[in-house]
PDB file of all heavy atoms in Angstrom:
ATOM      1  N   PRO A   1     -49.715 -24.347  30.555  1.00  0.00           N
ATOM      2  CA  PRO A   1     -49.868 -25.555  31.381  1.00  0.00           C
ATOM      3  C   PRO A   1     -51.368 -25.807  31.672  1.00  0.00           C
ATOM      4  O   PRO A   1     -52.145 -24.871  31.765  1.00  0.00           O
ATOM      5  CB  PRO A   1     -49.123 -25.201  32.692  1.00  0.00           C
ATOM      6  CG  PRO A   1     -48.224 -24.106  32.296  1.00  0.00           C
ATOM      7  CD  PRO A   1     -48.925 -23.294  31.235  1.00  0.00           C
ATOM      8  N   THR A   2     -51.737 -27.069  31.757  1.00  0.00           N
ATOM      9  CA  THR A   2     -53.122 -27.454  32.068  1.00  0.00           C
ATOM     10  C   THR A   2     -53.164 -28.244  33.362  1.00  0.00           C
ATOM     11  O   THR A   2     -52.159 -28.898  33.736  1.00  0.00           O
ATOM     12  CB  THR A   2     -53.720 -28.227  30.907  1.00  0.00           C
ATOM     13  OG1 THR A   2     -52.991 -29.469  30.727  1.00  0.00           O
ATOM     14  CG2 THR A   2     -53.767 -27.481  29.608  1.00  0.00           C
ATOM     15  N   PHE A   3     -54.315 -28.204  34.039  1.00  0.00           N
ATOM     16  CA  PHE A   3     -54.465 -28.909  35.315  1.00  0.00           C
ATOM     17  C   PHE A   3     -55.833 -29.554  35.434  1.00  0.00           C
ATOM     18  O   PHE A   3     -56.765 -29.133  34.744  1.00  0.00           O
ATOM     19  CB  PHE A   3     -54.263 -27.906  36.457  1.00  0.00           C
ATOM     20  CG  PHE A   3     -53.037 -27.058  36.389  1.00  0.00           C
ATOM     21  CD1 PHE A   3     -53.042 -25.786  35.775  1.00  0.00           C
ATOM     22  CD2 PHE A   3     -51.834 -27.508  36.903  1.00  0.00           C
ATOM     23  CE1 PHE A   3     -51.930 -25.026  35.708  1.00  0.00           C
ATOM     24  CE2 PHE A   3     -50.673 -26.760  36.820  1.00  0.00           C
ATOM     25  CZ  PHE A   3     -50.708 -25.494  36.210  1.00  0.00           C
ATOM     26  N   THR A   4     -55.895 -30.545  36.282  1.00  0.00           N
ATOM     27  CA  THR A   4     -57.192 -31.173  36.600  1.00  0.00           C
ATOM     28  C   THR A   4     -57.602 -30.729  38.009  1.00  0.00           C
ATOM     29  O   THR A   4     -56.871 -30.907  38.959  1.00  0.00           O
ATOM     30  CB  THR A   4     -57.070 -32.721  36.558  1.00  0.00           C
ATOM     31  OG1 THR A   4     -56.699 -33.126  35.259  1.00  0.00           O
ATOM     32  CG2 THR A   4     -58.438 -33.359  36.931  1.00  0.00           C
ATOM     33  N   VAL A   5     -58.771 -30.100  38.110  1.00  0.00           N
ATOM     34  CA  VAL A   5     -59.301 -29.618  39.380  1.00  0.00           C
ATOM     35  C   VAL A   5     -60.147 -30.730  39.997  1.00  0.00           C
ATOM     36  O   VAL A   5     -61.090 -31.222  39.363  1.00  0.00           O
ATOM     37  CB  VAL A   5     -60.160 -28.340  39.209  1.00  0.00           C
ATOM     38  CG1 VAL A   5     -60.742 -27.925  40.530  1.00  0.00           C
ATOM     39  CG2 VAL A   5     -59.345 -27.237  38.582  1.00  0.00           C
ATOM     40  N   ILE A   6     -59.830 -31.134  41.220  1.00  0.00           N
ATOM     41  CA  ILE A   6     -60.569 -32.222  41.886  1.00  0.00           C
ATOM     42  C   ILE A   6     -61.400 -31.737  43.060  1.00  0.00           C
ATOM     43  O   ILE A   6     -62.088 -32.513  43.724  1.00  0.00           O
ATOM     44  CB  ILE A   6     -59.586 -33.326  42.381  1.00  0.00           C
ATOM     45  CG1 ILE A   6     -58.628 -32.784  43.430  1.00  0.00           C
ATOM     46  CG2 ILE A   6     -58.822 -33.894  41.194  1.00  0.00           C
ATOM     47  CD1 ILE A   6     -57.819 -33.871  44.132  1.00  0.00           C
ATOM     48  N   GLY A   7     -61.333 -30.424  43.328  1.00  0.00           N
ATOM     49  CA  GLY A   7     -62.146 -29.876  44.424  1.00  0.00           C
ATOM     50  C   GLY A   7     -61.959 -28.399  44.599  1.00  0.00           C
ATOM     51  O   GLY A   7     -61.076 -27.812  43.947  1.00  0.00           O
ATOM     52  N   LYS A   8     -62.791 -27.851  45.431  1.00  0.00           N
ATOM     53  CA  LYS A   8     -62.737 -26.412  45.770  1.00  0.00           C
ATOM     54  C   LYS A   8     -62.625 -26.261  47.277  1.00  0.00           C
ATOM     55  O   LYS A   8     -63.080 -27.072  48.009  1.00  0.00           O
ATOM     56  CB  LYS A   8     -63.955 -25.655  45.259  1.00  0.00           C
ATOM     57  CG  LYS A   8     -64.105 -25.557  43.753  1.00  0.00           C
ATOM     58  CD  LYS A   8     -65.342 -24.763  43.354  1.00  0.00           C
ATOM     59  CE  LYS A   8     -65.486 -24.648  41.895  1.00  0.00           C
ATOM     60  NZ  LYS A   8     -66.670 -23.865  41.502  1.00  0.00           N
ATOM     61  N   ALA A   9     -61.999 -25.176  47.728  1.00  0.00           N
ATOM     62  CA  ALA A   9     -61.811 -24.897  49.126  1.00  0.00           C
ATOM     63  C   ALA A   9     -61.779 -23.401  49.389  1.00  0.00           C
ATOM     64  O   ALA A   9     -61.623 -22.610  48.455  1.00  0.00           O
ATOM     65  CB  ALA A   9     -60.523 -25.548  49.659  1.00  0.00           C
ATOM     66  N   LYS A  10     -61.959 -23.018  50.628  1.00  0.00           N
ATOM     67  CA  LYS A  10     -61.938 -21.615  51.022  1.00  0.00           C
ATOM     68  C   LYS A  10     -60.710 -21.352  51.899  1.00  0.00           C
ATOM     69  O   LYS A  10     -60.389 -22.152  52.785  1.00  0.00           O
ATOM     70  CB  LYS A  10     -63.194 -21.233  51.777  1.00  0.00           C
ATOM     71  CG  LYS A  10     -64.472 -21.393  50.941  1.00  0.00           C
ATOM     72  CD  LYS A  10     -64.706 -20.157  50.077  1.00  0.00           C
ATOM     73  CE  LYS A  10     -66.106 -20.190  49.464  1.00  0.00           C
ATOM     74  NZ  LYS A  10     -66.339 -19.001  48.583  1.00  0.00           N
ATOM     75  N   SER A  11     -60.095 -20.199  51.700  1.00  0.00           N
ATOM     76  CA  SER A  11     -58.983 -19.793  52.553  1.00  0.00           C
ATOM     77  C   SER A  11     -59.550 -19.228  53.842  1.00  0.00           C
ATOM     78  O   SER A  11     -60.824 -19.109  53.988  1.00  0.00           O
ATOM     79  CB  SER A  11     -58.153 -18.708  51.869  1.00  0.00           C
ATOM     80  OG  SER A  11     -58.900 -17.514  51.674  1.00  0.00           O
ATOM     81  N   ASN A  12     -58.673 -18.890  54.808  1.00  0.00           N
ATOM     82  CA  ASN A  12     -59.173 -18.346  56.072  1.00  0.00           C
ATOM     83  C   ASN A  12     -59.976 -17.055  55.911  1.00  0.00           C
ATOM     84  O   ASN A  12     -60.821 -16.753  56.736  1.00  0.00           O
ATOM     85  CB  ASN A  12     -57.983 -18.129  57.029  1.00  0.00           C
ATOM     86  CG  ASN A  12     -57.436 -19.448  57.524  1.00  0.00           C
ATOM     87  OD1 ASN A  12     -58.028 -20.482  57.409  1.00  0.00           O
ATOM     88  ND2 ASN A  12     -56.234 -19.372  58.104  1.00  0.00           N
ATOM     89  N   ASN A  13     -59.673 -16.315  54.870  1.00  0.00           N
ATOM     90  CA  ASN A  13     -60.397 -15.067  54.619  1.00  0.00           C
ATOM     91  C   ASN A  13     -61.519 -15.204  53.596  1.00  0.00           C
ATOM     92  O   ASN A  13     -62.028 -14.253  53.064  1.00  0.00           O
ATOM     93  CB  ASN A  13     -59.444 -13.937  54.229  1.00  0.00           C
ATOM     94  CG  ASN A  13     -58.616 -14.287  52.980  1.00  0.00           C
ATOM     95  OD1 ASN A  13     -58.674 -15.422  52.511  1.00  0.00           O
ATOM     96  ND2 ASN A  13     -57.834 -13.339  52.526  1.00  0.00           N
ATOM     97  N   GLY A  14     -61.868 -16.478  53.267  1.00  0.00           N
ATOM     98  CA  GLY A  14     -63.039 -16.794  52.407  1.00  0.00           C
ATOM     99  C   GLY A  14     -62.838 -16.744  50.955  1.00  0.00           C
ATOM    100  O   GLY A  14     -63.805 -16.752  50.184  1.00  0.00           O
ATOM    101  N   VAL A  15     -61.581 -16.768  50.481  1.00  0.00           N
ATOM    102  CA  VAL A  15     -61.324 -16.710  49.059  1.00  0.00           C
ATOM    103  C   VAL A  15     -61.308 -18.140  48.488  1.00  0.00           C
ATOM    104  O   VAL A  15     -60.692 -19.039  49.074  1.00  0.00           O
ATOM    105  CB  VAL A  15     -59.968 -16.018  48.737  1.00  0.00           C
ATOM    106  CG1 VAL A  15     -59.699 -16.036  47.230  1.00  0.00           C
ATOM    107  CG2 VAL A  15     -59.953 -14.605  49.295  1.00  0.00           C
ATOM    108  N   THR A  16     -61.983 -18.371  47.339  1.00  0.00           N
ATOM    109  CA  THR A  16     -62.082 -19.700  46.735  1.00  0.00           C
ATOM    110  C   THR A  16     -60.739 -20.099  46.120  1.00  0.00           C
ATOM    111  O   THR A  16     -60.071 -19.319  45.439  1.00  0.00           O
ATOM    112  CB  THR A  16     -63.174 -19.717  45.681  1.00  0.00           C
ATOM    113  OG1 THR A  16     -64.411 -19.387  46.294  1.00  0.00           O
ATOM    114  CG2 THR A  16     -63.304 -21.109  45.073  1.00  0.00           C
ATOM    115  N   ARG A  17     -60.371 -21.356  46.377  1.00  0.00           N
ATOM    116  CA  ARG A  17     -59.152 -21.954  45.772  1.00  0.00           C
ATOM    117  C   ARG A  17     -59.552 -23.239  45.033  1.00  0.00           C
ATOM    118  O   ARG A  17     -60.539 -23.852  45.376  1.00  0.00           O
ATOM    119  CB  ARG A  17     -58.137 -22.304  46.872  1.00  0.00           C
ATOM    120  CG  ARG A  17     -57.831 -21.228  47.870  1.00  0.00           C
ATOM    121  CD  ARG A  17     -57.246 -19.980  47.278  1.00  0.00           C
ATOM    122  NE  ARG A  17     -56.659 -19.104  48.284  1.00  0.00           N
ATOM    123  CZ  ARG A  17     -56.374 -17.829  48.073  1.00  0.00           C
ATOM    124  NH1 ARG A  17     -56.616 -17.272  46.903  1.00  0.00           N
ATOM    125  NH2 ARG A  17     -55.885 -17.102  49.063  1.00  0.00           N
ATOM    126  N   TYR A  18     -58.721 -23.587  44.041  1.00  0.00           N
ATOM    127  CA  TYR A  18     -58.890 -24.887  43.372  1.00  0.00           C
ATOM    128  C   TYR A  18     -57.872 -25.870  43.927  1.00  0.00           C
ATOM    129  O   TYR A  18     -56.698 -25.521  44.117  1.00  0.00           O
ATOM    130  CB  TYR A  18     -58.606 -24.749  41.859  1.00  0.00           C
ATOM    131  CG  TYR A  18     -59.757 -24.112  41.043  1.00  0.00           C
ATOM    132  CD1 TYR A  18     -59.491 -23.392  39.920  1.00  0.00           C
ATOM    133  CD2 TYR A  18     -61.075 -24.243  41.458  1.00  0.00           C
ATOM    134  CE1 TYR A  18     -60.486 -22.809  39.171  1.00  0.00           C
ATOM    135  CE2 TYR A  18     -62.092 -23.719  40.702  1.00  0.00           C
ATOM    136  CZ  TYR A  18     -61.805 -22.967  39.570  1.00  0.00           C
ATOM    137  OH  TYR A  18     -62.841 -22.419  38.826  1.00  0.00           O
ATOM    138  N   LYS A  19     -58.366 -27.066  44.228  1.00  0.00           N
ATOM    139  CA  LYS A  19     -57.455 -28.128  44.651  1.00  0.00           C
ATOM    140  C   LYS A  19     -57.143 -28.969  43.383  1.00  0.00           C
ATOM    141  O   LYS A  19     -58.056 -29.442  42.706  1.00  0.00           O
ATOM    142  CB  LYS A  19     -58.086 -29.012  45.710  1.00  0.00           C
ATOM    143  CG  LYS A  19     -57.090 -30.093  46.198  1.00  0.00           C
ATOM    144  CD  LYS A  19     -57.673 -30.916  47.362  1.00  0.00           C
ATOM    145  CE  LYS A  19     -56.652 -31.909  47.862  1.00  0.00           C
ATOM    146  NZ  LYS A  19     -57.178 -32.720  48.971  1.00  0.00           N
ATOM    147  N   LEU A  20     -55.876 -29.179  43.075  1.00  0.00           N
ATOM    148  CA  LEU A  20     -55.436 -29.893  41.906  1.00  0.00           C
ATOM    149  C   LEU A  20     -55.224 -31.351  42.193  1.00  0.00           C
ATOM    150  O   LEU A  20     -55.159 -31.801  43.363  1.00  0.00           O
ATOM    151  CB  LEU A  20     -54.136 -29.287  41.366  1.00  0.00           C
ATOM    152  CG  LEU A  20     -54.179 -27.797  41.057  1.00  0.00           C
ATOM    153  CD1 LEU A  20     -52.773 -27.356  40.545  1.00  0.00           C
ATOM    154  CD2 LEU A  20     -55.264 -27.439  40.103  1.00  0.00           C
ATOM    155  N   SER A  21     -55.135 -32.145  41.140  1.00  0.00           N
ATOM    156  CA  SER A  21     -54.978 -33.575  41.286  1.00  0.00           C
ATOM    157  C   SER A  21     -53.602 -33.956  41.926  1.00  0.00           C
ATOM    158  O   SER A  21     -53.425 -35.032  42.452  1.00  0.00           O
ATOM    159  CB  SER A  21     -55.040 -34.262  39.930  1.00  0.00           C
ATOM    160  OG  SER A  21     -54.110 -33.693  39.017  1.00  0.00           O
ATOM    161  N   ASN A  22     -52.657 -33.008  41.922  1.00  0.00           N
ATOM    162  CA  ASN A  22     -51.369 -33.270  42.586  1.00  0.00           C
ATOM    163  C   ASN A  22     -51.391 -32.878  44.092  1.00  0.00           C
ATOM    164  O   ASN A  22     -50.356 -32.954  44.749  1.00  0.00           O
ATOM    165  CB  ASN A  22     -50.235 -32.524  41.883  1.00  0.00           C
ATOM    166  CG  ASN A  22     -50.393 -30.991  41.885  1.00  0.00           C
ATOM    167  OD1 ASN A  22     -51.293 -30.482  42.559  1.00  0.00           O
ATOM    168  ND2 ASN A  22     -49.531 -30.290  41.163  1.00  0.00           N
ATOM    169  N   GLY A  23     -52.530 -32.419  44.603  1.00  0.00           N
ATOM    170  CA  GLY A  23     -52.672 -32.088  46.000  1.00  0.00           C
ATOM    171  C   GLY A  23     -52.427 -30.643  46.311  1.00  0.00           C
ATOM    172  O   GLY A  23     -52.679 -30.199  47.433  1.00  0.00           O
ATOM    173  N   ASN A  24     -51.883 -29.872  45.361  1.00  0.00           N
ATOM    174  CA  ASN A  24     -51.617 -28.470  45.581  1.00  0.00           C
ATOM    175  C   ASN A  24     -52.834 -27.600  45.350  1.00  0.00           C
ATOM    176  O   ASN A  24     -53.837 -28.047  44.817  1.00  0.00           O
ATOM    177  CB  ASN A  24     -50.468 -27.966  44.706  1.00  0.00           C
ATOM    178  CG  ASN A  24     -49.149 -28.661  45.005  1.00  0.00           C
ATOM    179  OD1 ASN A  24     -48.961 -29.122  46.136  1.00  0.00           O
ATOM    180  ND2 ASN A  24     -48.294 -28.792  44.023  1.00  0.00           N
ATOM    181  N   TYR A  25     -52.738 -26.337  45.766  1.00  0.00           N
ATOM    182  CA  TYR A  25     -53.838 -25.340  45.608  1.00  0.00           C
ATOM    183  C   TYR A  25     -53.402 -24.173  44.759  1.00  0.00           C
ATOM    184  O   TYR A  25     -52.222 -23.811  44.832  1.00  0.00           O
ATOM    185  CB  TYR A  25     -54.312 -24.845  46.954  1.00  0.00           C
ATOM    186  CG  TYR A  25     -54.912 -25.896  47.852  1.00  0.00           C
ATOM    187  CD1 TYR A  25     -54.132 -26.705  48.713  1.00  0.00           C
ATOM    188  CD2 TYR A  25     -56.315 -26.140  47.868  1.00  0.00           C
ATOM    189  CE1 TYR A  25     -54.689 -27.664  49.486  1.00  0.00           C
ATOM    190  CE2 TYR A  25     -56.883 -27.101  48.645  1.00  0.00           C
ATOM    191  CZ  TYR A  25     -56.056 -27.870  49.457  1.00  0.00           C
ATOM    192  OH  TYR A  25     -56.608 -28.861  50.234  1.00  0.00           O
ATOM    193  N   ILE A  26     -54.348 -23.707  43.955  1.00  0.00           N
ATOM    194  CA  ILE A  26     -54.046 -22.541  43.096  1.00  0.00           C
ATOM    195  C   ILE A  26     -55.247 -21.597  43.181  1.00  0.00           C
ATOM    196  O   ILE A  26     -56.312 -21.909  43.639  1.00  0.00           O
ATOM    197  CB  ILE A  26     -53.794 -22.918  41.641  1.00  0.00           C
ATOM    198  CG1 ILE A  26     -55.047 -23.546  41.019  1.00  0.00           C
ATOM    199  CG2 ILE A  26     -52.569 -23.824  41.521  1.00  0.00           C
ATOM    200  CD1 ILE A  26     -54.970 -23.766  39.510  1.00  0.00           C
ATOM    201  N   THR A  27     -55.044 -20.376  42.651  1.00  0.00           N
ATOM    202  CA  THR A  27     -56.105 -19.428  42.579  1.00  0.00           C
ATOM    203  C   THR A  27     -57.232 -19.897  41.668  1.00  0.00           C
ATOM    204  O   THR A  27     -56.987 -20.596  40.677  1.00  0.00           O
ATOM    205  CB  THR A  27     -55.604 -18.067  42.070  1.00  0.00           C
ATOM    206  OG1 THR A  27     -56.661 -17.160  41.968  1.00  0.00           O
ATOM    207  CG2 THR A  27     -54.941 -18.210  40.690  1.00  0.00           C
ATOM    208  N   ALA A  28     -58.442 -19.486  42.004  1.00  0.00           N
ATOM    209  CA  ALA A  28     -59.607 -19.797  41.173  1.00  0.00           C
ATOM    210  C   ALA A  28     -60.021 -18.548  40.329  1.00  0.00           C
ATOM    211  O   ALA A  28     -61.040 -18.569  39.656  1.00  0.00           O
ATOM    212  CB  ALA A  28     -60.791 -20.274  42.020  1.00  0.00           C
ATOM    213  N   SER A  29     -59.240 -17.478  40.419  1.00  0.00           N
ATOM    214  CA  SER A  29     -59.545 -16.291  39.705  1.00  0.00           C
ATOM    215  C   SER A  29     -59.526 -16.469  38.199  1.00  0.00           C
ATOM    216  O   SER A  29     -58.589 -17.064  37.650  1.00  0.00           O
ATOM    217  CB  SER A  29     -58.539 -15.203  40.081  1.00  0.00           C
ATOM    218  OG  SER A  29     -58.688 -14.017  39.276  1.00  0.00           O
ATOM    219  N   SER A  30     -60.594 -15.983  37.540  1.00  0.00           N
ATOM    220  CA  SER A  30     -60.672 -16.070  36.102  1.00  0.00           C
ATOM    221  C   SER A  30     -59.618 -15.269  35.344  1.00  0.00           C
ATOM    222  O   SER A  30     -59.439 -15.386  34.156  1.00  0.00           O
ATOM    223  CB  SER A  30     -62.076 -15.653  35.626  1.00  0.00           C
ATOM    224  OG  SER A  30     -62.331 -14.315  36.024  1.00  0.00           O
ATOM    225  N   LYS A  31     -58.920 -14.392  36.104  1.00  0.00           N
ATOM    226  CA  LYS A  31     -57.822 -13.630  35.493  1.00  0.00           C
ATOM    227  C   LYS A  31     -56.623 -14.540  35.247  1.00  0.00           C
ATOM    228  O   LYS A  31     -55.758 -14.229  34.387  1.00  0.00           O
ATOM    229  CB  LYS A  31     -57.441 -12.465  36.397  1.00  0.00           C
ATOM    230  CG  LYS A  31     -58.488 -11.402  36.551  1.00  0.00           C
ATOM    231  CD  LYS A  31     -57.993 -10.260  37.446  1.00  0.00           C
ATOM    232  CE  LYS A  31     -59.010  -9.166  37.632  1.00  0.00           C
ATOM    233  NZ  LYS A  31     -58.540  -8.077  38.510  1.00  0.00           N
ATOM    234  N   TYR A  32     -56.514 -15.602  36.009  1.00  0.00           N
ATOM    235  CA  TYR A  32     -55.342 -16.462  35.993  1.00  0.00           C
ATOM    236  C   TYR A  32     -55.604 -17.846  35.362  1.00  0.00           C
ATOM    237  O   TYR A  32     -54.689 -18.452  34.789  1.00  0.00           O
ATOM    238  CB  TYR A  32     -54.739 -16.619  37.388  1.00  0.00           C
ATOM    239  CG  TYR A  32     -54.118 -15.388  37.920  1.00  0.00           C
ATOM    240  CD1 TYR A  32     -54.889 -14.448  38.640  1.00  0.00           C
ATOM    241  CD2 TYR A  32     -52.779 -15.080  37.710  1.00  0.00           C
ATOM    242  CE1 TYR A  32     -54.323 -13.290  39.168  1.00  0.00           C
ATOM    243  CE2 TYR A  32     -52.176 -13.932  38.182  1.00  0.00           C
ATOM    244  CZ  TYR A  32     -52.990 -13.048  38.910  1.00  0.00           C
ATOM    245  OH  TYR A  32     -52.424 -11.857  39.386  1.00  0.00           O
ATOM    246  N   VAL A  33     -56.783 -18.355  35.508  1.00  0.00           N
ATOM    247  CA  VAL A  33     -57.127 -19.671  34.980  1.00  0.00           C
ATOM    248  C   VAL A  33     -58.510 -19.672  34.291  1.00  0.00           C
ATOM    249  O   VAL A  33     -59.331 -18.790  34.623  1.00  0.00           O
ATOM    250  CB  VAL A  33     -57.117 -20.767  36.075  1.00  0.00           C
ATOM    251  CG1 VAL A  33     -55.727 -20.946  36.623  1.00  0.00           C
ATOM    252  CG2 VAL A  33     -58.113 -20.428  37.199  1.00  0.00           C
ATOM    253  N   GLY A  34     -58.728 -20.622  33.408  1.00  0.00           N
ATOM    254  CA  GLY A  34     -60.029 -20.702  32.755  1.00  0.00           C
ATOM    255  C   GLY A  34     -60.296 -22.155  32.309  1.00  0.00           C
ATOM    256  O   GLY A  34     -59.371 -22.969  32.245  1.00  0.00           O
ATOM    257  N   PRO A  35     -61.554 -22.491  32.010  1.00  0.00           N
ATOM    258  CA  PRO A  35     -61.862 -23.816  31.520  1.00  0.00           C
ATOM    259  C   PRO A  35     -61.100 -24.188  30.271  1.00  0.00           C
ATOM    260  O   PRO A  35     -60.956 -23.356  29.390  1.00  0.00           O
ATOM    261  CB  PRO A  35     -63.377 -23.742  31.224  1.00  0.00           C
ATOM    262  CG  PRO A  35     -63.866 -22.556  32.037  1.00  0.00           C
ATOM    263  CD  PRO A  35     -62.721 -21.601  32.056  1.00  0.00           C
ATOM    264  N   LEU A  36     -60.549 -25.357  30.198  1.00  0.00           N
ATOM    265  CA  LEU A  36     -59.732 -25.768  29.099  1.00  0.00           C
ATOM    266  C   LEU A  36     -60.572 -25.985  27.840  1.00  0.00           C
ATOM    267  O   LEU A  36     -60.127 -25.784  26.697  1.00  0.00           O
ATOM    268  CB  LEU A  36     -58.997 -27.066  29.414  1.00  0.00           C
ATOM    269  CG  LEU A  36     -58.069 -27.638  28.290  1.00  0.00           C
ATOM    270  CD1 LEU A  36     -57.017 -26.628  27.870  1.00  0.00           C
ATOM    271  CD2 LEU A  36     -57.457 -28.944  28.749  1.00  0.00           C
ATOM    272  N   TYR A  37     -61.876 -26.304  28.019  1.00  0.00           N
ATOM    273  CA  TYR A  37     -62.751 -26.566  26.875  1.00  0.00           C
ATOM    274  C   TYR A  37     -63.824 -25.518  26.753  1.00  0.00           C
ATOM    275  O   TYR A  37     -64.354 -25.042  27.757  1.00  0.00           O
ATOM    276  CB  TYR A  37     -63.371 -27.978  27.001  1.00  0.00           C
ATOM    277  CG  TYR A  37     -62.370 -29.092  26.824  1.00  0.00           C
ATOM    278  CD1 TYR A  37     -61.650 -29.593  27.927  1.00  0.00           C
ATOM    279  CD2 TYR A  37     -62.139 -29.660  25.611  1.00  0.00           C
ATOM    280  CE1 TYR A  37     -60.713 -30.593  27.790  1.00  0.00           C
ATOM    281  CE2 TYR A  37     -61.172 -30.676  25.403  1.00  0.00           C
ATOM    282  CZ  TYR A  37     -60.523 -31.113  26.523  1.00  0.00           C
ATOM    283  OH  TYR A  37     -59.586 -32.109  26.335  1.00  0.00           O
ATOM    284  N   TRP A  38     -64.122 -25.212  25.512  1.00  0.00           N
ATOM    285  CA  TRP A  38     -65.203 -24.264  25.241  1.00  0.00           C
ATOM    286  C   TRP A  38     -66.534 -24.778  25.821  1.00  0.00           C
ATOM    287  O   TRP A  38     -66.808 -25.975  25.760  1.00  0.00           O
ATOM    288  CB  TRP A  38     -65.400 -24.076  23.722  1.00  0.00           C
ATOM    289  CG  TRP A  38     -64.269 -23.373  23.011  1.00  0.00           C
ATOM    290  CD1 TRP A  38     -63.317 -23.911  22.237  1.00  0.00           C
ATOM    291  CD2 TRP A  38     -64.017 -21.955  23.030  1.00  0.00           C
ATOM    292  NE1 TRP A  38     -62.468 -22.945  21.758  1.00  0.00           N
ATOM    293  CE2 TRP A  38     -62.856 -21.710  22.252  1.00  0.00           C
ATOM    294  CE3 TRP A  38     -64.613 -20.842  23.632  1.00  0.00           C
ATOM    295  CZ2 TRP A  38     -62.333 -20.456  22.029  1.00  0.00           C
ATOM    296  CZ3 TRP A  38     -64.081 -19.574  23.434  1.00  0.00           C
ATOM    297  CH2 TRP A  38     -62.975 -19.408  22.622  1.00  0.00           C
ATOM    298  N   GLN A  39     -67.305 -23.858  26.389  1.00  0.00           N
ATOM    299  CA  GLN A  39     -68.590 -24.237  27.007  1.00  0.00           C
ATOM    300  C   GLN A  39     -69.806 -23.642  26.334  1.00  0.00           C
ATOM    301  O   GLN A  39     -70.937 -23.945  26.673  1.00  0.00           O
ATOM    302  CB  GLN A  39     -68.599 -23.797  28.508  1.00  0.00           C
ATOM    303  CG  GLN A  39     -67.447 -24.387  29.350  1.00  0.00           C
ATOM    304  CD  GLN A  39     -67.515 -25.906  29.417  1.00  0.00           C
ATOM    305  OE1 GLN A  39     -68.578 -26.439  29.659  1.00  0.00           O
ATOM    306  NE2 GLN A  39     -66.383 -26.564  29.166  1.00  0.00           N
ATOM    307  N   GLY A  40     -69.559 -22.794  25.378  1.00  0.00           N
ATOM    308  CA  GLY A  40     -70.701 -22.156  24.620  1.00  0.00           C
ATOM    309  C   GLY A  40     -70.566 -22.307  23.142  1.00  0.00           C
ATOM    310  O   GLY A  40     -69.487 -22.650  22.585  1.00  0.00           O
ATOM    311  N   ASN A  41     -71.650 -22.037  22.433  1.00  0.00           N
ATOM    312  CA  ASN A  41     -71.637 -22.120  20.978  1.00  0.00           C
ATOM    313  C   ASN A  41     -70.961 -20.921  20.369  1.00  0.00           C
ATOM    314  O   ASN A  41     -71.139 -19.786  20.776  1.00  0.00           O
ATOM    315  CB  ASN A  41     -73.073 -22.216  20.431  1.00  0.00           C
ATOM    316  CG  ASN A  41     -73.719 -23.555  20.755  1.00  0.00           C
ATOM    317  OD1 ASN A  41     -73.061 -24.610  20.643  1.00  0.00           O
ATOM    318  ND2 ASN A  41     -74.992 -23.504  21.145  1.00  0.00           N
ATOM    319  N   HIS A  42     -70.144 -21.226  19.337  1.00  0.00           N
ATOM    320  CA  HIS A  42     -69.464 -20.166  18.569  1.00  0.00           C
ATOM    321  C   HIS A  42     -69.494 -20.596  17.106  1.00  0.00           C
ATOM    322  O   HIS A  42     -69.010 -21.654  16.755  1.00  0.00           O
ATOM    323  CB  HIS A  42     -68.028 -19.954  19.031  1.00  0.00           C
ATOM    324  CG  HIS A  42     -67.942 -19.519  20.485  1.00  0.00           C
ATOM    325  ND1 HIS A  42     -68.230 -18.252  20.905  1.00  0.00           N
ATOM    326  CD2 HIS A  42     -67.552 -20.270  21.575  1.00  0.00           C
ATOM    327  CE1 HIS A  42     -68.076 -18.181  22.239  1.00  0.00           C
ATOM    328  NE2 HIS A  42     -67.680 -19.386  22.653  1.00  0.00           N
ATOM    329  N   SER A  43     -70.072 -19.744  16.268  1.00  0.00           N
ATOM    330  CA  SER A  43     -70.244 -20.111  14.872  1.00  0.00           C
ATOM    331  C   SER A  43     -68.963 -20.082  14.046  1.00  0.00           C
ATOM    332  O   SER A  43     -68.824 -20.794  13.042  1.00  0.00           O
ATOM    333  CB  SER A  43     -71.287 -19.216  14.186  1.00  0.00           C
ATOM    334  OG  SER A  43     -70.882 -17.846  14.255  1.00  0.00           O
TER     335      SER A  43
END
């Protein structure tokens, strides 16, 4: 599944969350989500 991130927020204990275009929040941990598009050069 893919998502559009429209903002970032902090939980009460300071953990970063992603706010999605549907209004819900998900983890920002790189273990669970990553950029949909490549950001670096690969030959």
